[in-house]
Amino acid sequence: MEINERILGFIAEWFDPHPQIVKKYLLKYYCETCEVEMKDLSTNRKFLKKTKIPPSLKEADFFVGANILLLSRDLKLIDYADSVTRKLLDDVDERAFCFLPPTLYDSMADIVSMIEHAGFTLVDIKSTNFVDYDDMKGAIELMRGINVDDLARPEPAIVMSFRGANSIS
């Protein structure tokens, strides 16, 4: 299948504030034309006919776990809708995490730029404090060769999540 024939399918959730419920949709993204359409999964009716997406959204923004703003709705993509999409995106949907101590704050823009130039997409960025060993247990399991004393500091560390092909090697 050529890249210009691809249709990516996702299950998306949207919290409707008026009735205070979470609604699920089938969201299809048409790669060639940069259009989306949505179907309400509870009623099995079309919710949004094929519509051009805003220029701020790119194909790389569509992945499981992403939050996208589409027509004033904050949608969370929670799963693949079909095996074709899963097969196409599983290889490029590897995640990697980067921890930056306060000493590297001045270099953060350069570090993010370097990682993005290597073909990875910044998914999330958070500031957090690791003040004792118990706080770090989960993180320590993911990291090898990092001095724990460098992380257990009163200053916040920056934690970034990236996605891309071969991000774990």
N, C-alpha and C. Protein backbone atom coordinates (compact mmCIF):
# COMPACT_ATOMS: atom_id res chain seq x y z
N MET A 1 0.85 -1.17 0.00
CA MET A 1 0.00 0.00 0.00
C MET A 1 0.90 1.24 0.00
N GLU A 2 0.66 2.16 -0.90
CA GLU A 2 1.45 3.37 -0.98
C GLU A 2 1.06 4.34 0.12
N ILE A 3 1.98 5.25 0.42
CA ILE A 3 1.72 6.19 1.50
C ILE A 3 0.51 7.06 1.22
N ASN A 4 0.27 7.40 -0.05
CA ASN A 4 -0.84 8.30 -0.37
C ASN A 4 -2.19 7.58 -0.38
N GLU A 5 -2.21 6.29 -0.12
CA GLU A 5 -3.48 5.55 -0.06
C GLU A 5 -3.85 5.20 1.38
N ARG A 6 -3.06 5.63 2.32
CA ARG A 6 -3.26 5.20 3.70
C ARG A 6 -4.44 5.91 4.37
N ILE A 7 -5.19 5.12 5.11
CA ILE A 7 -6.25 5.62 5.98
C ILE A 7 -5.94 5.06 7.36
N LEU A 8 -5.71 5.96 8.30
CA LEU A 8 -5.41 5.54 9.67
C LEU A 8 -6.68 5.60 10.49
N GLY A 9 -6.97 4.53 11.21
CA GLY A 9 -8.17 4.47 12.03
C GLY A 9 -7.84 4.40 13.51
N PHE A 10 -8.56 5.19 14.31
CA PHE A 10 -8.35 5.23 15.75
C PHE A 10 -9.68 5.23 16.48
N ILE A 11 -9.65 4.74 17.71
CA ILE A 11 -10.77 4.92 18.62
C ILE A 11 -10.42 6.17 19.44
N ALA A 12 -11.33 7.14 19.43
CA ALA A 12 -11.09 8.41 20.13
C ALA A 12 -12.15 8.61 21.20
N GLU A 13 -11.74 9.26 22.29
CA GLU A 13 -12.66 9.62 23.36
C GLU A 13 -12.75 11.14 23.46
N TRP A 14 -13.95 11.59 23.79
CA TRP A 14 -14.18 13.01 24.04
C TRP A 14 -15.11 13.14 25.23
N PHE A 15 -14.71 13.97 26.19
CA PHE A 15 -15.54 14.23 27.35
C PHE A 15 -16.52 15.35 27.00
N ASP A 16 -17.80 15.01 26.96
CA ASP A 16 -18.85 15.97 26.67
C ASP A 16 -19.24 16.63 27.99
N PRO A 17 -18.95 17.94 28.14
CA PRO A 17 -19.16 18.58 29.44
C PRO A 17 -20.63 18.76 29.83
N HIS A 18 -21.53 18.83 28.87
CA HIS A 18 -22.93 19.09 29.22
C HIS A 18 -23.59 17.90 29.92
N PRO A 19 -23.59 16.71 29.33
CA PRO A 19 -24.15 15.57 30.08
C PRO A 19 -23.12 14.91 30.99
N GLN A 20 -21.87 15.40 30.97
CA GLN A 20 -20.80 14.86 31.81
C GLN A 20 -20.53 13.39 31.52
N ILE A 21 -20.40 13.06 30.23
CA ILE A 21 -20.09 11.68 29.84
C ILE A 21 -18.94 11.65 28.84
N VAL A 22 -18.30 10.51 28.76
CA VAL A 22 -17.24 10.30 27.78
C VAL A 22 -17.86 9.57 26.59
N LYS A 23 -17.67 10.17 25.42
CA LYS A 23 -18.18 9.56 24.19
C LYS A 23 -17.02 8.97 23.40
N LYS A 24 -17.30 7.85 22.73
CA LYS A 24 -16.28 7.19 21.92
C LYS A 24 -16.64 7.30 20.44
N TYR A 25 -15.59 7.52 19.65
CA TYR A 25 -15.77 7.69 18.21
C TYR A 25 -14.76 6.85 17.45
N LEU A 26 -15.14 6.49 16.25
CA LEU A 26 -14.20 5.94 15.28
C LEU A 26 -13.71 7.14 14.48
N LEU A 27 -12.43 7.40 14.53
CA LEU A 27 -11.85 8.52 13.80
C LEU A 27 -10.98 7.96 12.68
N LYS A 28 -11.25 8.39 11.46
CA LYS A 28 -10.44 7.98 10.32
C LYS A 28 -9.69 9.19 9.79
N TYR A 29 -8.38 9.01 9.62
CA TYR A 29 -7.54 10.08 9.07
C TYR A 29 -7.07 9.64 7.69
N TYR A 30 -7.38 10.45 6.68
CA TYR A 30 -7.00 10.17 5.30
C TYR A 30 -5.69 10.90 5.01
N CYS A 31 -4.61 10.13 4.92
CA CYS A 31 -3.27 10.70 4.82
C CYS A 31 -3.07 11.54 3.57
N GLU A 32 -3.59 11.07 2.44
CA GLU A 32 -3.36 11.76 1.17
C GLU A 32 -4.01 13.13 1.14
N THR A 33 -5.21 13.25 1.67
CA THR A 33 -5.97 14.49 1.56
C THR A 33 -5.99 15.31 2.85
N CYS A 34 -5.38 14.78 3.93
CA CYS A 34 -5.37 15.45 5.24
C CYS A 34 -6.80 15.76 5.70
N GLU A 35 -7.65 14.74 5.63
CA GLU A 35 -9.03 14.87 6.05
C GLU A 35 -9.33 13.84 7.13
N VAL A 36 -10.34 14.13 7.94
CA VAL A 36 -10.81 13.19 8.95
C VAL A 36 -12.32 13.04 8.82
N GLU A 37 -12.80 11.90 9.29
CA GLU A 37 -14.24 11.71 9.49
C GLU A 37 -14.41 10.93 10.77
N MET A 38 -15.57 11.11 11.39
CA MET A 38 -15.82 10.46 12.67
C MET A 38 -17.21 9.84 12.70
N LYS A 39 -17.27 8.70 13.40
CA LYS A 39 -18.54 8.01 13.60
C LYS A 39 -18.71 7.80 15.09
N ASP A 40 -19.89 8.11 15.61
CA ASP A 40 -20.22 7.89 17.02
C ASP A 40 -20.40 6.39 17.23
N LEU A 41 -19.61 5.79 18.09
CA LEU A 41 -19.68 4.34 18.28
C LEU A 41 -20.90 3.89 19.08
N SER A 42 -21.48 4.77 19.88
CA SER A 42 -22.65 4.36 20.66
C SER A 42 -23.92 4.32 19.79
N THR A 43 -24.01 5.20 18.82
CA THR A 43 -25.19 5.24 17.95
C THR A 43 -24.92 4.65 16.57
N ASN A 44 -23.65 4.41 16.27
CA ASN A 44 -23.23 3.91 14.96
C ASN A 44 -23.63 4.86 13.82
N ARG A 45 -23.70 6.15 14.14
CA ARG A 45 -24.06 7.16 13.14
C ARG A 45 -22.87 8.07 12.87
N LYS A 46 -22.85 8.61 11.66
CA LYS A 46 -21.79 9.54 11.30
C LYS A 46 -21.90 10.79 12.16
N PHE A 47 -20.77 11.16 12.77
CA PHE A 47 -20.73 12.35 13.61
C PHE A 47 -20.13 13.53 12.85
N LEU A 48 -19.13 13.24 12.03
CA LEU A 48 -18.45 14.28 11.27
C LEU A 48 -18.15 13.74 9.88
N LYS A 49 -18.67 14.43 8.86
CA LYS A 49 -18.36 14.00 7.50
C LYS A 49 -16.92 14.35 7.18
N LYS A 50 -16.40 13.80 6.11
CA LYS A 50 -15.01 14.01 5.73
C LYS A 50 -14.72 15.51 5.66
N THR A 51 -13.76 15.94 6.49
CA THR A 51 -13.46 17.35 6.65
C THR A 51 -11.95 17.56 6.70
N LYS A 52 -11.46 18.64 6.11
CA LYS A 52 -10.04 18.97 6.17
C LYS A 52 -9.66 19.28 7.62
N ILE A 53 -8.48 18.83 8.00
CA ILE A 53 -8.00 19.13 9.34
C ILE A 53 -7.30 20.48 9.34
N PRO A 54 -7.18 21.11 10.51
CA PRO A 54 -6.46 22.38 10.57
C PRO A 54 -4.99 22.18 10.18
N PRO A 55 -4.37 23.20 9.60
CA PRO A 55 -2.97 23.06 9.17
C PRO A 55 -2.01 22.77 10.32
N SER A 56 -2.42 23.07 11.54
CA SER A 56 -1.55 22.81 12.69
C SER A 56 -1.41 21.31 12.99
N LEU A 57 -2.36 20.49 12.52
CA LEU A 57 -2.28 19.05 12.73
C LEU A 57 -1.57 18.39 11.56
N LYS A 58 -0.68 17.47 11.89
CA LYS A 58 0.08 16.72 10.89
C LYS A 58 -0.15 15.23 11.12
N GLU A 59 0.24 14.43 10.15
CA GLU A 59 0.09 12.98 10.28
C GLU A 59 0.79 12.45 11.52
N ALA A 60 1.94 13.02 11.86
CA ALA A 60 2.69 12.57 13.03
C ALA A 60 1.95 12.81 14.34
N ASP A 61 0.92 13.66 14.33
CA ASP A 61 0.14 13.93 15.54
C ASP A 61 -0.86 12.83 15.85
N PHE A 62 -1.09 11.94 14.92
CA PHE A 62 -2.08 10.87 15.08
C PHE A 62 -1.38 9.59 15.53
N PHE A 63 -1.49 9.28 16.82
CA PHE A 63 -0.94 8.05 17.38
C PHE A 63 -1.69 7.75 18.68
N VAL A 64 -1.66 6.50 19.09
CA VAL A 64 -2.35 6.10 20.32
C VAL A 64 -1.72 6.82 21.50
N GLY A 65 -2.57 7.46 22.30
CA GLY A 65 -2.12 8.22 23.44
C GLY A 65 -2.09 9.71 23.19
N ALA A 66 -2.24 10.12 21.93
CA ALA A 66 -2.19 11.54 21.59
C ALA A 66 -3.49 12.24 21.97
N ASN A 67 -3.37 13.50 22.30
CA ASN A 67 -4.52 14.39 22.47
C ASN A 67 -4.49 15.35 21.30
N ILE A 68 -5.57 15.39 20.54
CA ILE A 68 -5.62 16.32 19.41
C ILE A 68 -6.83 17.23 19.57
N LEU A 69 -6.69 18.46 19.17
CA LEU A 69 -7.78 19.41 19.20
C LEU A 69 -8.36 19.49 17.80
N LEU A 70 -9.59 19.04 17.67
CA LEU A 70 -10.23 18.98 16.36
C LEU A 70 -11.62 19.61 16.47
N LEU A 71 -11.81 20.71 15.78
CA LEU A 71 -13.08 21.43 15.78
C LEU A 71 -13.55 21.71 17.21
N SER A 72 -12.69 22.28 17.99
CA SER A 72 -12.96 22.67 19.39
C SER A 72 -13.23 21.49 20.31
N ARG A 73 -12.88 20.31 19.91
CA ARG A 73 -13.03 19.13 20.77
C ARG A 73 -11.65 18.55 21.06
N ASP A 74 -11.39 18.34 22.34
CA ASP A 74 -10.13 17.74 22.75
C ASP A 74 -10.31 16.23 22.75
N LEU A 75 -9.79 15.58 21.73
CA LEU A 75 -9.95 14.14 21.56
C LEU A 75 -8.70 13.41 22.02
N LYS A 76 -8.91 12.30 22.72
CA LYS A 76 -7.79 11.44 23.11
C LYS A 76 -7.88 10.17 22.28
N LEU A 77 -6.81 9.87 21.54
CA LEU A 77 -6.76 8.65 20.74
C LEU A 77 -6.34 7.51 21.66
N ILE A 78 -7.27 6.58 21.92
CA ILE A 78 -7.02 5.56 22.94
C ILE A 78 -6.63 4.19 22.38
N ASP A 79 -6.90 3.95 21.09
CA ASP A 79 -6.57 2.63 20.53
C ASP A 79 -6.59 2.72 19.01
N TYR A 80 -6.00 1.71 18.39
CA TYR A 80 -6.10 1.58 16.94
C TYR A 80 -7.48 1.03 16.62
N ALA A 81 -8.05 1.45 15.50
CA ALA A 81 -9.38 0.98 15.12
C ALA A 81 -9.32 -0.29 14.28
N ASP A 82 -8.17 -0.59 13.71
CA ASP A 82 -8.08 -1.75 12.84
C ASP A 82 -6.65 -2.29 12.82
N SER A 83 -6.52 -3.50 12.31
CA SER A 83 -5.20 -4.14 12.28
C SER A 83 -4.25 -3.49 11.28
N VAL A 84 -4.78 -2.88 10.24
CA VAL A 84 -3.93 -2.22 9.24
C VAL A 84 -3.22 -1.03 9.88
N THR A 85 -3.96 -0.20 10.62
CA THR A 85 -3.36 0.94 11.30
C THR A 85 -2.36 0.47 12.33
N ARG A 86 -2.71 -0.57 13.08
CA ARG A 86 -1.79 -1.11 14.09
C ARG A 86 -0.49 -1.54 13.43
N LYS A 87 -0.59 -2.24 12.32
CA LYS A 87 0.61 -2.73 11.63
C LYS A 87 1.45 -1.58 11.08
N LEU A 88 0.79 -0.56 10.54
CA LEU A 88 1.51 0.58 9.97
C LEU A 88 2.23 1.41 11.04
N LEU A 89 1.62 1.55 12.20
CA LEU A 89 2.16 2.47 13.20
C LEU A 89 2.92 1.82 14.34
N ASP A 90 2.78 0.52 14.53
CA ASP A 90 3.48 -0.12 15.65
C ASP A 90 4.99 0.10 15.58
N ASP A 91 5.57 0.05 14.39
CA ASP A 91 7.01 0.22 14.26
C ASP A 91 7.47 1.63 14.59
N VAL A 92 6.64 2.62 14.29
CA VAL A 92 7.05 4.01 14.55
C VAL A 92 6.51 4.53 15.86
N ASP A 93 5.83 3.69 16.63
CA ASP A 93 5.22 4.14 17.88
C ASP A 93 6.00 3.70 19.10
N GLU A 94 7.30 3.53 18.96
CA GLU A 94 8.12 3.23 20.12
C GLU A 94 8.31 4.51 20.92
N ARG A 95 8.38 4.37 22.24
CA ARG A 95 8.52 5.53 23.11
C ARG A 95 9.87 5.49 23.82
N ALA A 96 10.43 6.66 24.00
CA ALA A 96 11.66 6.81 24.77
C ALA A 96 11.51 8.00 25.70
N PHE A 97 12.18 7.95 26.85
CA PHE A 97 12.10 9.02 27.83
C PHE A 97 13.48 9.62 28.04
N CYS A 98 13.49 10.90 28.30
CA CYS A 98 14.73 11.63 28.52
C CYS A 98 14.58 12.43 29.82
N PHE A 99 15.52 12.25 30.75
CA PHE A 99 15.52 12.98 32.01
C PHE A 99 16.62 14.04 31.95
N LEU A 100 16.26 15.29 32.21
CA LEU A 100 17.24 16.37 32.23
C LEU A 100 17.33 16.97 33.62
N PRO A 101 18.50 16.94 34.22
CA PRO A 101 18.67 17.59 35.53
C PRO A 101 18.73 19.11 35.35
N PRO A 102 18.58 19.86 36.42
CA PRO A 102 18.60 21.33 36.32
C PRO A 102 19.85 21.90 35.66
N THR A 103 20.96 21.20 35.75
CA THR A 103 22.20 21.70 35.14
C THR A 103 22.11 21.78 33.62
N LEU A 104 21.14 21.10 33.01
CA LEU A 104 21.01 21.11 31.55
C LEU A 104 19.84 21.97 31.06
N TYR A 105 19.18 22.71 31.94
CA TYR A 105 18.04 23.54 31.52
C TYR A 105 18.41 24.49 30.40
N ASP A 106 19.59 25.10 30.48
CA ASP A 106 19.99 26.06 29.45
C ASP A 106 20.17 25.41 28.08
N SER A 107 20.38 24.10 28.06
CA SER A 107 20.60 23.38 26.80
C SER A 107 19.35 22.66 26.32
N MET A 108 18.23 22.81 27.02
CA MET A 108 17.03 22.03 26.71
C MET A 108 16.56 22.23 25.27
N ALA A 109 16.53 23.45 24.79
CA ALA A 109 16.08 23.71 23.42
C ALA A 109 16.97 22.99 22.41
N ASP A 110 18.27 23.03 22.63
CA ASP A 110 19.21 22.35 21.73
C ASP A 110 19.02 20.84 21.78
N ILE A 111 18.79 20.31 22.98
CA ILE A 111 18.60 18.86 23.13
C ILE A 111 17.33 18.41 22.42
N VAL A 112 16.22 19.14 22.62
CA VAL A 112 14.96 18.79 21.95
C VAL A 112 15.13 18.90 20.45
N SER A 113 15.76 19.95 19.98
CA SER A 113 15.98 20.14 18.54
C SER A 113 16.79 18.98 17.95
N MET A 114 17.85 18.59 18.65
CA MET A 114 18.70 17.49 18.19
C MET A 114 17.90 16.18 18.10
N ILE A 115 17.09 15.91 19.11
CA ILE A 115 16.29 14.68 19.11
C ILE A 115 15.25 14.72 18.00
N GLU A 116 14.60 15.87 17.79
CA GLU A 116 13.61 15.98 16.72
C GLU A 116 14.26 15.87 15.34
N HIS A 117 15.47 16.41 15.18
CA HIS A 117 16.18 16.29 13.90
C HIS A 117 16.56 14.84 13.61
N ALA A 118 16.65 14.03 14.66
CA ALA A 118 16.94 12.60 14.48
C ALA A 118 15.69 11.82 14.08
N GLY A 119 14.54 12.51 13.95
CA GLY A 119 13.33 11.86 13.47
C GLY A 119 12.32 11.50 14.53
N PHE A 120 12.52 11.97 15.75
CA PHE A 120 11.60 11.66 16.83
C PHE A 120 10.64 12.83 17.05
N THR A 121 9.48 12.52 17.63
CA THR A 121 8.47 13.53 17.91
C THR A 121 8.33 13.68 19.42
N LEU A 122 8.38 14.93 19.89
CA LEU A 122 8.17 15.20 21.30
C LEU A 122 6.69 14.98 21.61
N VAL A 123 6.41 14.08 22.55
CA VAL A 123 5.03 13.75 22.90
C VAL A 123 4.59 14.51 24.14
N ASP A 124 5.46 14.57 25.15
CA ASP A 124 5.07 15.19 26.41
C ASP A 124 6.31 15.70 27.11
N ILE A 125 6.12 16.72 27.92
CA ILE A 125 7.22 17.26 28.71
C ILE A 125 6.65 17.68 30.07
N LYS A 126 7.33 17.27 31.13
CA LYS A 126 6.86 17.55 32.49
C LYS A 126 8.05 17.95 33.35
N SER A 127 7.75 18.72 34.37
CA SER A 127 8.74 19.05 35.39
C SER A 127 8.32 18.30 36.65
N THR A 128 9.28 17.61 37.28
CA THR A 128 8.95 16.80 38.44
C THR A 128 10.10 16.79 39.43
N ASN A 129 9.79 16.52 40.67
CA ASN A 129 10.80 16.39 41.71
C ASN A 129 10.91 14.94 42.13
N PHE A 130 12.14 14.45 42.19
CA PHE A 130 12.43 13.15 42.78
C PHE A 130 13.18 13.48 44.07
N VAL A 131 12.51 13.35 45.21
CA VAL A 131 13.15 13.75 46.44
C VAL A 131 13.65 12.58 47.28
N ASP A 132 13.13 11.39 47.03
CA ASP A 132 13.66 10.25 47.76
C ASP A 132 13.57 8.99 46.89
N TYR A 133 14.18 7.95 47.39
CA TYR A 133 14.28 6.69 46.64
C TYR A 133 12.90 6.13 46.28
N ASP A 134 11.93 6.19 47.20
CA ASP A 134 10.60 5.64 46.94
C ASP A 134 9.94 6.31 45.74
N ASP A 135 10.16 7.62 45.58
CA ASP A 135 9.60 8.34 44.44
C ASP A 135 10.17 7.85 43.12
N MET A 136 11.38 7.32 43.17
CA MET A 136 12.10 6.98 41.93
C MET A 136 12.04 5.51 41.56
N LYS A 137 11.42 4.66 42.37
CA LYS A 137 11.46 3.23 42.11
C LYS A 137 11.07 2.86 40.68
N GLY A 138 9.94 3.40 40.20
CA GLY A 138 9.49 3.08 38.84
C GLY A 138 10.44 3.60 37.79
N ALA A 139 10.94 4.81 37.98
CA ALA A 139 11.86 5.40 37.02
C ALA A 139 13.19 4.67 36.98
N ILE A 140 13.65 4.22 38.12
CA ILE A 140 14.95 3.54 38.19
C ILE A 140 14.92 2.25 37.38
N GLU A 141 13.78 1.57 37.37
CA GLU A 141 13.68 0.33 36.60
C GLU A 141 13.84 0.59 35.11
N LEU A 142 13.48 1.79 34.65
CA LEU A 142 13.59 2.13 33.23
C LEU A 142 14.98 2.62 32.84
N MET A 143 15.77 3.02 33.82
CA MET A 143 17.07 3.62 33.54
C MET A 143 18.18 2.71 34.02
N ARG A 144 19.18 2.58 33.18
CA ARG A 144 20.36 1.82 33.57
C ARG A 144 21.56 2.74 33.39
N GLY A 145 22.46 2.68 34.32
CA GLY A 145 23.68 3.48 34.20
C GLY A 145 23.51 4.93 34.62
N ILE A 146 22.41 5.27 35.29
CA ILE A 146 22.21 6.64 35.75
C ILE A 146 22.43 6.67 37.25
N ASN A 147 23.19 7.64 37.70
CA ASN A 147 23.46 7.79 39.11
C ASN A 147 22.20 8.32 39.80
N VAL A 148 21.62 7.54 40.70
CA VAL A 148 20.38 7.89 41.37
C VAL A 148 20.55 9.18 42.17
N ASP A 149 21.74 9.41 42.71
CA ASP A 149 21.97 10.64 43.48
C ASP A 149 21.81 11.89 42.62
N ASP A 150 22.04 11.78 41.32
CA ASP A 150 21.86 12.92 40.43
C ASP A 150 20.39 13.29 40.28
N LEU A 151 19.50 12.32 40.49
CA LEU A 151 18.07 12.57 40.34
C LEU A 151 17.40 12.98 41.65
N ALA A 152 17.88 12.48 42.77
CA ALA A 152 17.26 12.78 44.06
C ALA A 152 17.75 14.13 44.56
N ARG A 153 17.15 15.18 44.03
CA ARG A 153 17.56 16.54 44.36
C ARG A 153 16.30 17.36 44.63
N PRO A 154 16.46 18.45 45.36
CA PRO A 154 15.29 19.29 45.62
C PRO A 154 14.81 20.07 44.39
N GLU A 155 15.70 20.27 43.41
CA GLU A 155 15.31 20.99 42.20
C GLU A 155 14.53 20.06 41.27
N PRO A 156 13.57 20.60 40.53
CA PRO A 156 12.81 19.74 39.61
C PRO A 156 13.65 19.31 38.40
N ALA A 157 13.40 18.12 37.96
CA ALA A 157 14.02 17.60 36.74
C ALA A 157 12.98 17.69 35.63
N ILE A 158 13.43 17.76 34.41
CA ILE A 158 12.55 17.76 33.25
C ILE A 158 12.51 16.34 32.69
N VAL A 159 11.31 15.83 32.48
CA VAL A 159 11.13 14.51 31.90
C VAL A 159 10.42 14.69 30.58
N MET A 160 11.02 14.18 29.50
CA MET A 160 10.43 14.31 28.17
C MET A 160 10.15 12.92 27.60
N SER A 161 9.06 12.83 26.86
CA SER A 161 8.70 11.59 26.20
C SER A 161 8.75 11.84 24.69
N PHE A 162 9.41 10.94 23.99
CA PHE A 162 9.52 11.03 22.53
C PHE A 162 9.00 9.75 21.92
N ARG A 163 8.56 9.83 20.67
CA ARG A 163 8.15 8.63 19.94
C ARG A 163 8.80 8.65 18.58
N GLY A 164 9.00 7.44 18.05
CA GLY A 164 9.58 7.32 16.73
C GLY A 164 10.08 5.91 16.50
N ALA A 165 10.45 5.63 15.26
CA ALA A 165 10.95 4.31 14.91
C ALA A 165 12.34 4.11 15.53
N ASN A 166 12.58 2.92 16.02
CA ASN A 166 13.86 2.55 16.60
C ASN A 166 14.30 3.47 17.73
N SER A 167 13.35 3.93 18.53
CA SER A 167 13.71 4.81 19.64
C SER A 167 14.28 4.03 20.80
N ILE A 168 14.07 2.73 20.81
CA ILE A 168 14.62 1.88 21.87
C ILE A 168 15.61 0.93 21.23
N SER A 169 16.88 1.19 21.46
CA SER A 169 17.90 0.29 20.90
C SER A 169 19.15 0.32 21.73
